[in-house]
N, C-alpha and C. Protein backbone atom coordinates (compact mmCIF):
# COMPACT_ATOMS: atom_id res chain seq x y z
N UNK A 1 -48.18 0.97 18.92
CA UNK A 1 -47.46 2.23 19.03
C UNK A 1 -46.37 2.26 17.95
N UNK A 2 -46.35 3.33 17.21
CA UNK A 2 -45.39 3.47 16.13
C UNK A 2 -44.23 4.36 16.57
N UNK A 3 -43.02 3.89 16.31
CA UNK A 3 -41.83 4.67 16.65
C UNK A 3 -41.51 5.61 15.50
N UNK A 4 -41.27 6.86 15.83
CA UNK A 4 -40.86 7.84 14.84
C UNK A 4 -39.58 8.51 15.30
N UNK A 5 -38.61 8.50 14.41
CA UNK A 5 -37.33 9.14 14.71
C UNK A 5 -37.46 10.63 14.50
N UNK A 6 -37.11 11.38 15.52
CA UNK A 6 -37.10 12.84 15.40
C UNK A 6 -35.66 13.31 15.58
N UNK A 7 -35.13 13.88 14.53
CA UNK A 7 -33.75 14.36 14.59
C UNK A 7 -33.68 15.58 15.48
N UNK A 8 -32.70 15.56 16.36
CA UNK A 8 -32.49 16.69 17.26
C UNK A 8 -31.18 17.35 16.87
N UNK A 9 -31.25 18.54 16.37
CA UNK A 9 -30.05 19.20 15.87
C UNK A 9 -30.00 20.63 16.39
N UNK A 10 -29.91 20.77 17.70
CA UNK A 10 -29.85 22.09 18.30
C UNK A 10 -28.39 22.54 18.35
N UNK A 11 -28.11 23.65 17.75
CA UNK A 11 -26.75 24.18 17.77
C UNK A 11 -26.59 25.01 19.04
N UNK A 12 -25.61 24.65 19.83
CA UNK A 12 -25.36 25.38 21.07
C UNK A 12 -24.85 26.79 20.75
N UNK A 13 -25.26 27.74 21.54
CA UNK A 13 -24.77 29.11 21.36
C UNK A 13 -23.37 29.24 21.95
N UNK A 14 -22.68 30.30 21.58
CA UNK A 14 -21.36 30.56 22.15
C UNK A 14 -21.45 30.67 23.67
N UNK A 15 -22.47 31.38 24.15
CA UNK A 15 -22.65 31.55 25.59
C UNK A 15 -22.86 30.22 26.30
N UNK A 16 -23.64 29.33 25.69
CA UNK A 16 -23.87 28.01 26.31
C UNK A 16 -22.57 27.22 26.42
N UNK A 17 -21.74 27.30 25.39
CA UNK A 17 -20.47 26.58 25.41
C UNK A 17 -19.54 27.14 26.48
N UNK A 18 -19.39 28.46 26.51
CA UNK A 18 -18.51 29.09 27.50
C UNK A 18 -19.04 28.88 28.91
N UNK A 19 -20.35 28.98 29.09
CA UNK A 19 -20.94 28.75 30.41
C UNK A 19 -20.67 27.33 30.89
N UNK A 20 -20.68 26.37 29.97
CA UNK A 20 -20.43 25.00 30.37
C UNK A 20 -18.97 24.78 30.76
N UNK A 21 -18.06 25.41 30.03
CA UNK A 21 -16.64 25.34 30.39
C UNK A 21 -16.45 25.93 31.80
N UNK A 22 -17.07 27.07 32.04
CA UNK A 22 -16.99 27.72 33.35
C UNK A 22 -17.58 26.83 34.44
N UNK A 23 -18.72 26.22 34.15
CA UNK A 23 -19.40 25.35 35.12
C UNK A 23 -18.51 24.19 35.54
N UNK A 24 -17.90 23.53 34.56
CA UNK A 24 -17.05 22.38 34.87
C UNK A 24 -15.87 22.80 35.74
N UNK A 25 -15.23 23.90 35.38
CA UNK A 25 -14.08 24.38 36.17
C UNK A 25 -14.51 24.71 37.60
N UNK A 26 -15.65 25.39 37.73
CA UNK A 26 -16.14 25.80 39.04
C UNK A 26 -16.52 24.58 39.89
N UNK A 27 -17.22 23.63 39.30
CA UNK A 27 -17.65 22.44 40.04
C UNK A 27 -16.47 21.62 40.57
N UNK A 28 -15.34 21.71 39.90
CA UNK A 28 -14.18 20.92 40.29
C UNK A 28 -13.08 21.77 40.92
N UNK A 29 -13.39 23.04 41.19
CA UNK A 29 -12.46 23.93 41.87
C UNK A 29 -11.18 24.18 41.09
N UNK A 30 -11.30 24.32 39.77
CA UNK A 30 -10.12 24.48 38.92
C UNK A 30 -10.01 25.91 38.40
N UNK A 31 -8.79 26.42 38.34
CA UNK A 31 -8.57 27.75 37.77
C UNK A 31 -8.26 27.66 36.28
N UNK A 32 -8.00 26.45 35.81
CA UNK A 32 -7.80 26.16 34.40
C UNK A 32 -8.44 24.80 34.14
N UNK A 33 -8.56 24.45 32.88
CA UNK A 33 -9.26 23.23 32.53
C UNK A 33 -8.63 22.63 31.29
N UNK A 34 -8.23 21.37 31.38
CA UNK A 34 -7.67 20.71 30.20
C UNK A 34 -8.81 20.18 29.33
N UNK A 35 -8.49 19.89 28.09
CA UNK A 35 -9.50 19.32 27.20
C UNK A 35 -9.95 17.96 27.73
N UNK A 36 -9.02 17.21 28.30
CA UNK A 36 -9.36 15.90 28.85
C UNK A 36 -10.33 16.03 30.03
N UNK A 37 -10.09 17.00 30.90
CA UNK A 37 -10.99 17.23 32.04
C UNK A 37 -12.38 17.63 31.54
N UNK A 38 -12.41 18.50 30.54
CA UNK A 38 -13.70 18.92 30.01
C UNK A 38 -14.42 17.75 29.34
N UNK A 39 -13.68 16.95 28.60
CA UNK A 39 -14.30 15.80 27.92
C UNK A 39 -14.95 14.86 28.93
N UNK A 40 -14.32 14.72 30.10
CA UNK A 40 -14.84 13.84 31.14
C UNK A 40 -16.11 14.39 31.78
N UNK A 41 -16.17 15.71 32.02
CA UNK A 41 -17.27 16.29 32.79
C UNK A 41 -18.18 17.25 32.03
N UNK A 42 -17.79 17.67 30.84
CA UNK A 42 -18.56 18.68 30.11
C UNK A 42 -19.78 18.12 29.40
N UNK A 43 -20.64 19.00 29.00
CA UNK A 43 -21.89 18.62 28.32
C UNK A 43 -21.75 18.60 26.80
N UNK A 44 -20.70 19.19 26.26
CA UNK A 44 -20.50 19.25 24.82
C UNK A 44 -19.18 18.59 24.47
N UNK A 45 -18.99 18.30 23.21
CA UNK A 45 -17.72 17.72 22.78
C UNK A 45 -16.67 18.83 22.73
N UNK A 46 -15.47 18.53 23.22
CA UNK A 46 -14.44 19.57 23.24
C UNK A 46 -14.04 20.02 21.84
N UNK A 47 -14.22 19.17 20.84
CA UNK A 47 -13.91 19.59 19.47
C UNK A 47 -14.90 20.65 18.98
N UNK A 48 -16.11 20.62 19.48
CA UNK A 48 -17.09 21.66 19.15
C UNK A 48 -16.59 23.01 19.66
N UNK A 49 -16.06 23.00 20.85
CA UNK A 49 -15.57 24.24 21.46
C UNK A 49 -14.35 24.77 20.72
N UNK A 50 -13.41 23.90 20.38
CA UNK A 50 -12.21 24.37 19.68
C UNK A 50 -12.54 24.85 18.27
N UNK A 51 -13.50 24.19 17.62
CA UNK A 51 -13.91 24.66 16.28
C UNK A 51 -14.59 26.02 16.38
N UNK A 52 -15.43 26.20 17.38
CA UNK A 52 -16.17 27.44 17.52
C UNK A 52 -15.28 28.62 17.86
N UNK A 53 -14.29 28.40 18.75
CA UNK A 53 -13.48 29.51 19.26
C UNK A 53 -12.05 29.53 18.71
N UNK A 54 -11.73 28.60 17.83
CA UNK A 54 -10.41 28.60 17.21
C UNK A 54 -9.39 27.76 17.95
N UNK A 55 -9.27 27.99 19.25
CA UNK A 55 -8.35 27.20 20.07
C UNK A 55 -8.99 26.96 21.43
N UNK A 56 -8.48 25.94 22.11
CA UNK A 56 -8.97 25.66 23.46
C UNK A 56 -8.61 26.81 24.40
N UNK A 57 -7.39 27.34 24.25
CA UNK A 57 -6.97 28.45 25.12
C UNK A 57 -7.84 29.69 24.93
N UNK A 58 -8.29 29.95 23.72
CA UNK A 58 -9.17 31.10 23.50
C UNK A 58 -10.50 30.90 24.23
N UNK A 59 -11.02 29.69 24.22
CA UNK A 59 -12.25 29.39 24.96
C UNK A 59 -12.02 29.59 26.46
N UNK A 60 -10.86 29.15 26.95
CA UNK A 60 -10.55 29.35 28.38
C UNK A 60 -10.49 30.83 28.72
N UNK A 61 -9.87 31.63 27.85
CA UNK A 61 -9.79 33.08 28.08
C UNK A 61 -11.19 33.68 28.15
N UNK A 62 -12.06 33.30 27.23
CA UNK A 62 -13.42 33.83 27.23
C UNK A 62 -14.20 33.41 28.47
N UNK A 63 -13.84 32.26 29.03
CA UNK A 63 -14.49 31.77 30.24
C UNK A 63 -13.86 32.36 31.50
N UNK A 64 -12.82 33.18 31.32
CA UNK A 64 -12.16 33.79 32.47
C UNK A 64 -11.25 32.83 33.22
N UNK A 65 -10.78 31.80 32.53
CA UNK A 65 -9.91 30.81 33.16
C UNK A 65 -8.47 30.99 32.70
N UNK A 66 -7.55 30.43 33.47
CA UNK A 66 -6.13 30.50 33.12
C UNK A 66 -5.83 29.51 32.00
N UNK A 67 -4.88 29.88 31.17
CA UNK A 67 -4.42 28.99 30.10
C UNK A 67 -3.19 28.25 30.58
N UNK A 68 -3.18 26.98 30.31
CA UNK A 68 -2.00 26.16 30.64
C UNK A 68 -1.14 26.07 29.40
N UNK A 69 -0.11 26.85 29.36
CA UNK A 69 0.80 26.80 28.21
C UNK A 69 1.98 25.91 28.57
N UNK A 70 2.33 25.06 27.66
CA UNK A 70 3.48 24.19 27.86
C UNK A 70 4.65 24.85 27.14
N UNK A 71 5.66 25.24 27.90
CA UNK A 71 6.84 25.84 27.32
C UNK A 71 7.92 24.78 27.19
N UNK A 72 8.52 24.70 26.03
CA UNK A 72 9.54 23.71 25.74
C UNK A 72 10.92 24.35 25.78
N UNK A 73 11.89 23.59 26.26
CA UNK A 73 13.27 24.08 26.24
C UNK A 73 13.80 23.97 24.81
N UNK A 74 14.90 24.67 24.54
CA UNK A 74 15.51 24.58 23.21
C UNK A 74 15.92 23.15 22.91
N UNK A 75 16.41 22.44 23.92
CA UNK A 75 16.84 21.06 23.73
C UNK A 75 15.65 20.17 23.35
N UNK A 76 14.52 20.37 24.02
CA UNK A 76 13.33 19.58 23.68
C UNK A 76 12.87 19.86 22.25
N UNK A 77 12.91 21.12 21.86
CA UNK A 77 12.52 21.47 20.49
C UNK A 77 13.49 20.87 19.47
N UNK A 78 14.77 20.95 19.76
CA UNK A 78 15.77 20.39 18.86
C UNK A 78 15.61 18.87 18.74
N UNK A 79 15.42 18.20 19.87
CA UNK A 79 15.22 16.74 19.85
C UNK A 79 13.98 16.36 19.04
N UNK A 80 12.96 17.17 19.14
CA UNK A 80 11.75 16.91 18.37
C UNK A 80 12.02 17.06 16.87
N UNK A 81 12.78 18.07 16.50
CA UNK A 81 13.13 18.25 15.09
C UNK A 81 13.94 17.07 14.57
N UNK A 82 14.85 16.56 15.38
CA UNK A 82 15.64 15.40 14.97
C UNK A 82 14.74 14.18 14.78
N UNK A 83 13.75 14.07 15.62
CA UNK A 83 12.84 12.93 15.56
C UNK A 83 11.99 12.97 14.29
N UNK A 84 11.61 14.15 13.89
CA UNK A 84 10.76 14.30 12.71
C UNK A 84 11.61 14.10 11.48
């Protein structure tokens, strides 16, 4: 028996990516989904999703999920500037 390598290069559609984000959130009862949560349970790489849709939050919006925005205080922002 001879082994032959067959390259599999199927590009997921936008709908497949968004449906998978929705599936993961639904299966775990989440109204929002972090990239880490998706990486653990999703079928695609989260970098594929962010490249396709620009940002993770935009993908969440398209999936009908809530976006988790981290708001920083002025002091936190200032301390970060000092650190840089």
